C-alpha atoms as a PDB file:
ATOM      1  CA  MET A   1       0.000   0.000   0.000  1.00  0.00           C
ATOM      2  CA  LYS A   2       1.216   3.486  -0.919  1.00  0.00           C
ATOM      3  CA  PHE A   3      -0.604   6.424   0.622  1.00  0.00           C
ATOM      4  CA  LYS A   4      -1.217   9.286  -1.805  1.00  0.00           C
ATOM      5  CA  LYS A   5      -3.387  11.750   0.089  1.00  0.00           C
ATOM      6  CA  ILE A   6      -5.348  12.224   3.310  1.00  0.00           C
ATOM      7  CA  HIS A   7      -8.328  14.557   3.538  1.00  0.00           C
ATOM      8  CA  ALA A   8     -10.179  15.310   6.784  1.00  0.00           C
ATOM      9  CA  GLU A   9     -12.967  17.712   7.702  1.00  0.00           C
ATOM     10  CA  ASN A  10     -14.191  18.597  11.201  1.00  0.00           C
ATOM     11  CA  TYR A  11     -12.143  15.784  12.745  1.00  0.00           C
ATOM     12  CA  LYS A  12     -10.679  16.554  16.178  1.00  0.00           C
ATOM     13  CA  THR A  13      -8.116  19.371  15.784  1.00  0.00           C
ATOM     14  CA  TYR A  14      -8.561  19.484  11.996  1.00  0.00           C
ATOM     15  CA  LYS A  15     -11.200  21.815  10.616  1.00  0.00           C
ATOM     16  CA  LEU A  16      -9.877  21.056   7.135  1.00  0.00           C
ATOM     17  CA  LEU A  17      -6.856  18.967   6.202  1.00  0.00           C
ATOM     18  CA  ASP A  18      -5.604  18.196   2.694  1.00  0.00           C
ATOM     19  CA  LEU A  19      -2.198  16.567   2.834  1.00  0.00           C
ATOM     20  CA  ASP A  20      -0.300  15.194  -0.159  1.00  0.00           C
ATOM     21  CA  LEU A  21       1.574  12.035   0.860  1.00  0.00           C
ATOM     22  CA  GLU A  22       3.135  11.223  -2.530  1.00  0.00           C
ATOM     23  CA  VAL A  23       6.792  10.201  -2.445  1.00  0.00           C
ATOM     24  CA  THR A  24       9.407   9.575  -5.116  1.00  0.00           C
ATOM     25  CA  ASP A  25      11.914   6.744  -5.434  1.00  0.00           C
ATOM     26  CA  ASP A  26      14.791   9.025  -4.424  1.00  0.00           C
ATOM     27  CA  ARG A  27      12.769  10.504  -1.515  1.00  0.00           C
ATOM     28  CA  PRO A  28      10.640   7.633  -0.177  1.00  0.00           C
ATOM     29  CA  ILE A  29      10.115   8.856   3.402  1.00  0.00           C
ATOM     30  CA  ILE A  30       7.829  11.514   4.876  1.00  0.00           C
ATOM     31  CA  LEU A  31       8.634  12.854   8.333  1.00  0.00           C
ATOM     32  CA  ILE A  32       5.947  14.661  10.325  1.00  0.00           C
ATOM     33  CA  GLY A  33       7.171  16.995  13.052  1.00  0.00           C
ATOM     34  CA  GLY A  34       5.777  19.628  15.378  1.00  0.00           C
ATOM     35  CA  GLY A  35       5.185  20.635  18.974  1.00  0.00           C
ATOM     36  CA  ASN A  36       2.934  18.874  21.446  1.00  0.00           C
ATOM     37  CA  GLY A  37      -0.747  19.186  20.614  1.00  0.00           C
ATOM     38  CA  CYS A  38      -0.237  20.301  17.011  1.00  0.00           C
ATOM     39  CA  GLY A  39      -1.970  17.241  15.519  1.00  0.00           C
ATOM     40  CA  LYS A  40       0.723  14.666  14.695  1.00  0.00           C
ATOM     41  CA  THR A  41      -1.025  11.763  16.386  1.00  0.00           C
ATOM     42  CA  THR A  42      -4.385  12.986  15.069  1.00  0.00           C
ATOM     43  CA  LEU A  43      -2.981  12.734  11.540  1.00  0.00           C
ATOM     44  CA  PHE A  44      -2.220   9.037  12.034  1.00  0.00           C
ATOM     45  CA  ASP A  45      -5.629   8.577  13.660  1.00  0.00           C
ATOM     46  CA  ALA A  46      -7.260  10.189  10.614  1.00  0.00           C
ATOM     47  CA  ILE A  47      -5.499   7.779   8.233  1.00  0.00           C
ATOM     48  CA  TYR A  48      -6.320   4.797  10.460  1.00  0.00           C
ATOM     49  CA  HIS A  49     -10.012   5.686  10.776  1.00  0.00           C
ATOM     50  CA  ALA A  50     -10.313   6.554   7.083  1.00  0.00           C
ATOM     51  CA  LEU A  51      -9.192   2.978   6.390  1.00  0.00           C
ATOM     52  CA  TYR A  52     -11.016   1.080   9.124  1.00  0.00           C
ATOM     53  CA  GLY A  53     -13.873   3.398  10.101  1.00  0.00           C
ATOM     54  CA  LEU A  54     -14.873   5.321  13.199  1.00  0.00           C
ATOM     55  CA  LYS A  55     -16.832   3.377  15.793  1.00  0.00           C
ATOM     56  CA  ILE A  56     -18.966   6.247  17.087  1.00  0.00           C
ATOM     57  CA  GLU A  57     -21.005   4.975  20.010  1.00  0.00           C
ATOM     58  CA  ASN A  58     -23.446   7.839  20.564  1.00  0.00           C
ATOM     59  CA  GLU A  59     -24.132  11.570  20.183  1.00  0.00           C
ATOM     60  CA  ARG A  60     -21.707  12.507  22.956  1.00  0.00           C
ATOM     61  CA  HIS A  61     -18.918  10.501  21.336  1.00  0.00           C
ATOM     62  CA  PHE A  62     -19.635  12.238  17.985  1.00  0.00           C
ATOM     63  CA  GLU A  63     -19.322  15.634  19.679  1.00  0.00           C
ATOM     64  CA  GLU A  64     -15.993  14.622  21.246  1.00  0.00           C
ATOM     65  CA  LEU A  65     -14.590  13.733  17.813  1.00  0.00           C
ATOM     66  CA  PHE A  66     -16.025  16.796  16.065  1.00  0.00           C
ATOM     67  CA  ASN A  67     -13.825  19.891  15.666  1.00  0.00           C
ATOM     68  CA  ALA A  68     -14.532  22.130  18.675  1.00  0.00           C
ATOM     69  CA  GLY A  69     -14.074  25.400  16.774  1.00  0.00           C
ATOM     70  CA  VAL A  70     -16.640  24.533  14.110  1.00  0.00           C
ATOM     71  CA  LYS A  71     -19.041  23.154  16.738  1.00  0.00           C
ATOM     72  CA  ASN A  72     -18.840  26.379  18.802  1.00  0.00           C
ATOM     73  CA  GLU A  73     -19.162  28.711  15.786  1.00  0.00           C
ATOM     74  CA  GLN A  74     -21.653  26.859  13.590  1.00  0.00           C
ATOM     75  CA  GLY A  75     -23.155  24.020  15.616  1.00  0.00           C
ATOM     76  CA  LEU A  76     -23.531  20.437  14.405  1.00  0.00           C
ATOM     77  CA  THR A  77     -26.634  20.753  12.186  1.00  0.00           C
ATOM     78  CA  ASN A  78     -25.947  19.292   8.724  1.00  0.00           C
ATOM     79  CA  LYS A  79     -22.242  19.046   9.544  1.00  0.00           C
ATOM     80  CA  TYR A  80     -20.132  15.995   8.730  1.00  0.00           C
ATOM     81  CA  ILE A  81     -16.949  14.438   9.978  1.00  0.00           C
ATOM     82  CA  VAL A  82     -15.233  13.415   6.743  1.00  0.00           C
ATOM     83  CA  LEU A  83     -12.192  11.162   6.422  1.00  0.00           C
ATOM     84  CA  GLU A  84     -10.849  10.292   2.977  1.00  0.00           C
ATOM     85  CA  VAL A  85      -7.679   8.448   2.045  1.00  0.00           C
ATOM     86  CA  THR A  86      -6.257   7.932  -1.443  1.00  0.00           C
ATOM     87  CA  PHE A  87      -3.842   5.046  -1.880  1.00  0.00           C
ATOM     88  CA  SER A  88      -2.554   2.500  -4.347  1.00  0.00           C
ATOM     89  CA  GLY A  89      -1.855  -1.199  -4.076  1.00  0.00           C
ATOM     90  CA  LEU A  90      -0.656  -4.042  -6.266  1.00  0.00           C
ATOM     91  CA  VAL A  91      -3.202  -6.389  -7.826  1.00  0.00           C
ATOM     92  CA  LEU A  92      -1.601  -9.156  -9.903  1.00  0.00           C
ATOM     93  CA  ASN A  93       1.541  -6.994 -10.165  1.00  0.00           C
ATOM     94  CA  GLN A  94      -0.482  -4.056 -11.530  1.00  0.00           C
ATOM     95  CA  GLU A  95      -0.816  -0.858  -9.502  1.00  0.00           C
ATOM     96  CA  GLN A  96      -4.462  -0.183  -8.626  1.00  0.00           C
ATOM     97  CA  GLN A  97      -5.719   3.229  -7.454  1.00  0.00           C
ATOM     98  CA  TYR A  98      -8.205   3.543  -4.572  1.00  0.00           C
ATOM     99  CA  LYS A  99     -10.061   6.383  -2.867  1.00  0.00           C
ATOM    100  CA  LEU A 100     -11.950   5.575   0.320  1.00  0.00           C
ATOM    101  CA  LYS A 101     -14.249   8.176   1.876  1.00  0.00           C
ATOM    102  CA  ARG A 102     -16.134   7.901   5.154  1.00  0.00           C
ATOM    103  CA  ALA A 103     -18.609  10.544   6.367  1.00  0.00           C
ATOM    104  CA  TYR A 104     -20.492  10.739   9.662  1.00  0.00           C
ATOM    105  CA  MET A 105     -23.273  13.081  10.782  1.00  0.00           C
ATOM    106  CA  LEU A 106     -25.831  13.438  13.546  1.00  0.00           C
ATOM    107  CA  ASP A 107     -29.512  13.070  12.720  1.00  0.00           C
ATOM    108  CA  GLU A 108     -31.907  13.442  15.657  1.00  0.00           C
ATOM    109  CA  GLY A 109     -29.398  11.933  18.052  1.00  0.00           C
ATOM    110  CA  ARG A 110     -28.406   9.060  15.733  1.00  0.00           C
ATOM    111  CA  VAL A 111     -25.006   8.823  14.064  1.00  0.00           C
ATOM    112  CA  LEU A 112     -25.341   8.172  10.333  1.00  0.00           C
ATOM    113  CA  GLU A 113     -22.460   6.777   8.302  1.00  0.00           C
ATOM    114  CA  SER A 114     -21.798   6.738   4.567  1.00  0.00           C
ATOM    115  CA  VAL A 115     -18.871   4.999   2.878  1.00  0.00           C
ATOM    116  CA  THR A 116     -17.711   5.275  -0.723  1.00  0.00           C
ATOM    117  CA  LEU A 117     -14.874   3.261  -2.212  1.00  0.00           C
ATOM    118  CA  ASN A 118     -13.644   4.197  -5.677  1.00  0.00           C
ATOM    119  CA  MET A 119     -11.535   1.391  -7.127  1.00  0.00           C
ATOM    120  CA  GLY A 120     -10.039   2.259 -10.489  1.00  0.00           C
ATOM    121  CA  GLY A 121     -13.241   4.040 -11.551  1.00  0.00           C
ATOM    122  CA  ASN A 122     -15.629   1.460 -10.090  1.00  0.00           C
ATOM    123  CA  GLN A 123     -17.600   2.796  -7.143  1.00  0.00           C
ATOM    124  CA  PHE A 124     -18.986   0.884  -4.164  1.00  0.00           C
ATOM    125  CA  SER A 125     -21.152   2.792  -1.690  1.00  0.00           C
ATOM    126  CA  TYR A 126     -23.041   1.903   1.451  1.00  0.00           C
ATOM    127  CA  GLY A 127     -24.251   3.562   4.584  1.00  0.00           C
ATOM    128  CA  SER A 128     -26.741   3.642   7.416  1.00  0.00           C
ATOM    129  CA  GLY A 129     -29.681   3.818   5.016  1.00  0.00           C
ATOM    130  CA  THR A 130     -28.467   1.141   2.595  1.00  0.00           C
ATOM    131  CA  HIS A 131     -30.452  -2.103   2.279  1.00  0.00           C
ATOM    132  CA  SER A 132     -28.781  -4.711   4.509  1.00  0.00           C
ATOM    133  CA  ALA A 133     -27.910  -7.150   1.676  1.00  0.00           C
ATOM    134  CA  GLN A 134     -26.308  -4.454  -0.483  1.00  0.00           C
ATOM    135  CA  ARG A 135     -24.515  -2.968   2.501  1.00  0.00           C
ATOM    136  CA  ALA A 136     -23.094  -6.352   3.474  1.00  0.00           C
ATOM    137  CA  SER A 137     -21.909  -6.992  -0.089  1.00  0.00           C
ATOM    138  CA  ASN A 138     -20.192  -3.622  -0.578  1.00  0.00           C
ATOM    139  CA  GLU A 139     -18.787  -3.619   2.955  1.00  0.00           C
ATOM    140  CA  GLU A 140     -17.256  -7.030   2.304  1.00  0.00           C
ATOM    141  CA  ILE A 141     -15.544  -5.710  -0.853  1.00  0.00           C
ATOM    142  CA  ASP A 142     -14.246  -2.729   1.107  1.00  0.00           C
ATOM    143  CA  ASN A 143     -12.943  -4.900   3.958  1.00  0.00           C
ATOM    144  CA  LYS A 144     -11.219  -7.352   1.581  1.00  0.00           C
ATOM    145  CA  ILE A 145      -9.379  -4.546  -0.196  1.00  0.00           C
ATOM    146  CA  ILE A 146      -8.226  -2.975   3.060  1.00  0.00           C
ATOM    147  CA  ALA A 147      -7.163  -6.346   4.505  1.00  0.00           C
ATOM    148  CA  ALA A 148      -5.221  -7.192   1.333  1.00  0.00           C
ATOM    149  CA  ASN A 149      -3.322  -3.895   1.480  1.00  0.00           C
ATOM    150  CA  LEU A 150      -2.875  -3.312   5.229  1.00  0.00           C
ATOM    151  CA  PRO A 151      -4.529  -5.695   7.715  1.00  0.00           C
ATOM    152  CA  VAL A 152      -5.716  -3.876  10.822  1.00  0.00           C
ATOM    153  CA  GLU A 153      -3.503  -6.106  13.005  1.00  0.00           C
ATOM    154  CA  LEU A 154      -0.398  -4.736  11.261  1.00  0.00           C
ATOM    155  CA  SER A 155      -1.505  -1.101  11.107  1.00  0.00           C
ATOM    156  CA  ASN A 156       0.120  -0.180  14.447  1.00  0.00           C
ATOM    157  CA  TYR A 157       3.518  -1.015  12.981  1.00  0.00           C
ATOM    158  CA  PHE A 158       3.055   1.312   9.992  1.00  0.00           C
ATOM    159  CA  LEU A 159       0.830   4.076  11.385  1.00  0.00           C
ATOM    160  CA  PHE A 160       2.432   5.150  14.622  1.00  0.00           C
ATOM    161  CA  ASP A 161       3.613   8.140  16.562  1.00  0.00           C
ATOM    162  CA  ALA A 162       7.355   7.801  17.239  1.00  0.00           C
ATOM    163  CA  MET A 163       6.660   8.643  20.888  1.00  0.00           C
ATOM    164  CA  LYS A 164       4.639   5.423  21.146  1.00  0.00           C
ATOM    165  CA  THR A 165       7.189   3.050  19.622  1.00  0.00           C
ATOM    166  CA  SER A 166       8.484   2.016  23.042  1.00  0.00           C
ATOM    167  CA  ASP A 167       4.968   0.841  23.931  1.00  0.00           C
ATOM    168  CA  LEU A 168       4.934  -1.437  20.885  1.00  0.00           C
ATOM    169  CA  VAL A 169       8.337  -2.895  21.713  1.00  0.00           C
ATOM    170  CA  LYS A 170       7.345  -3.574  25.326  1.00  0.00           C
ATOM    171  CA  GLU A 171       4.458  -5.816  24.324  1.00  0.00           C
ATOM    172  CA  GLU A 172       5.374  -9.450  25.018  1.00  0.00           C
ATOM    173  CA  GLN A 173       3.246 -10.717  22.155  1.00  0.00           C
ATOM    174  CA  ILE A 174       4.878  -8.543  19.476  1.00  0.00           C
ATOM    175  CA  ILE A 175       6.900 -11.338  17.849  1.00  0.00           C
ATOM    176  CA  LYS A 176       3.963 -13.745  17.857  1.00  0.00           C
ATOM    177  CA  LEU A 177       1.671 -11.076  16.424  1.00  0.00           C
ATOM    178  CA  ILE A 178       4.087 -10.142  13.637  1.00  0.00           C
ATOM    179  CA  MET A 179       4.718 -13.780  12.701  1.00  0.00           C
ATOM    180  CA  LYS A 180       1.022 -14.590  12.739  1.00  0.00           C
ATOM    181  CA  ASN A 181       0.207 -11.699  10.437  1.00  0.00           C
ATOM    182  CA  ILE A 182       3.139 -12.274   8.102  1.00  0.00           C
ATOM    183  CA  ASN A 183       2.070 -15.901   7.769  1.00  0.00           C
ATOM    184  CA  SER A 184      -1.505 -14.842   7.107  1.00  0.00           C
ATOM    185  CA  VAL A 185      -0.726 -12.020   4.683  1.00  0.00           C
ATOM    186  CA  MET A 186       1.856 -13.994   2.709  1.00  0.00           C
ATOM    187  CA  GLY A 187      -0.368 -17.052   2.563  1.00  0.00           C
ATOM    188  CA  PHE A 188       2.145 -19.317   4.299  1.00  0.00           C
ATOM    189  CA  ASN A 189      -0.632 -20.843   6.390  1.00  0.00           C
ATOM    190  CA  LYS A 190      -2.422 -22.085   3.277  1.00  0.00           C
ATOM    191  CA  TYR A 191       0.774 -23.570   1.846  1.00  0.00           C
ATOM    192  CA  ALA A 192       1.393 -25.376   5.130  1.00  0.00           C
ATOM    193  CA  GLN A 193      -2.165 -26.721   5.118  1.00  0.00           C
ATOM    194  CA  LEU A 194      -1.867 -27.895   1.506  1.00  0.00           C
ATOM    195  CA  LYS A 195       1.435 -29.589   2.298  1.00  0.00           C
ATOM    196  CA  LYS A 196      -0.103 -31.397   5.255  1.00  0.00           C
ATOM    197  CA  VAL A 197      -3.090 -32.544   3.183  1.00  0.00           C
ATOM    198  CA  SER A 198      -0.880 -33.767   0.321  1.00  0.00           C
ATOM    199  CA  GLU A 199       1.315 -35.708   2.740  1.00  0.00           C
ATOM    200  CA  THR A 200      -1.745 -37.295   4.316  1.00  0.00           C
END
């Protein structure tokens, strides 16, 4: 997975964020720096939740995630939290372009969600008002694409604040977790199963 762009609206400290994440072969690394409270960790949170979704429990939780400045000036009526990530990934050795957008709003105390995945020009959409069968189908496509590019279990090792790296290293299960996910992602588990079956 190669991140191309992150867009966020009304999310935590970001009223509006449009950040180009493109890199070149001779400059493949992006470093994010700044003082405490300037939004470094929130940037990684925005990318993470654009990929995997916000689990907003209730109206109060929505208000906690919503940009305080916009809430105080304009209120929450007809206002969305928007998270959108543009990325590319390899499919059969061909680079495929993706744009994943998630939007959340309050409607009479309920949190409504809408999700749109654009995959090389093909669009898959679902949300709170989508028929359950269609939602399940499009959500499954979305989840498969995300899992194929960056499984949620591995995301902490790619989307992290440098100040939190020591916490990752301290975890006793880190080696087991990495091995489990490498085996799963690379398909080693299936090869091992096939080998066992063929030997039997």
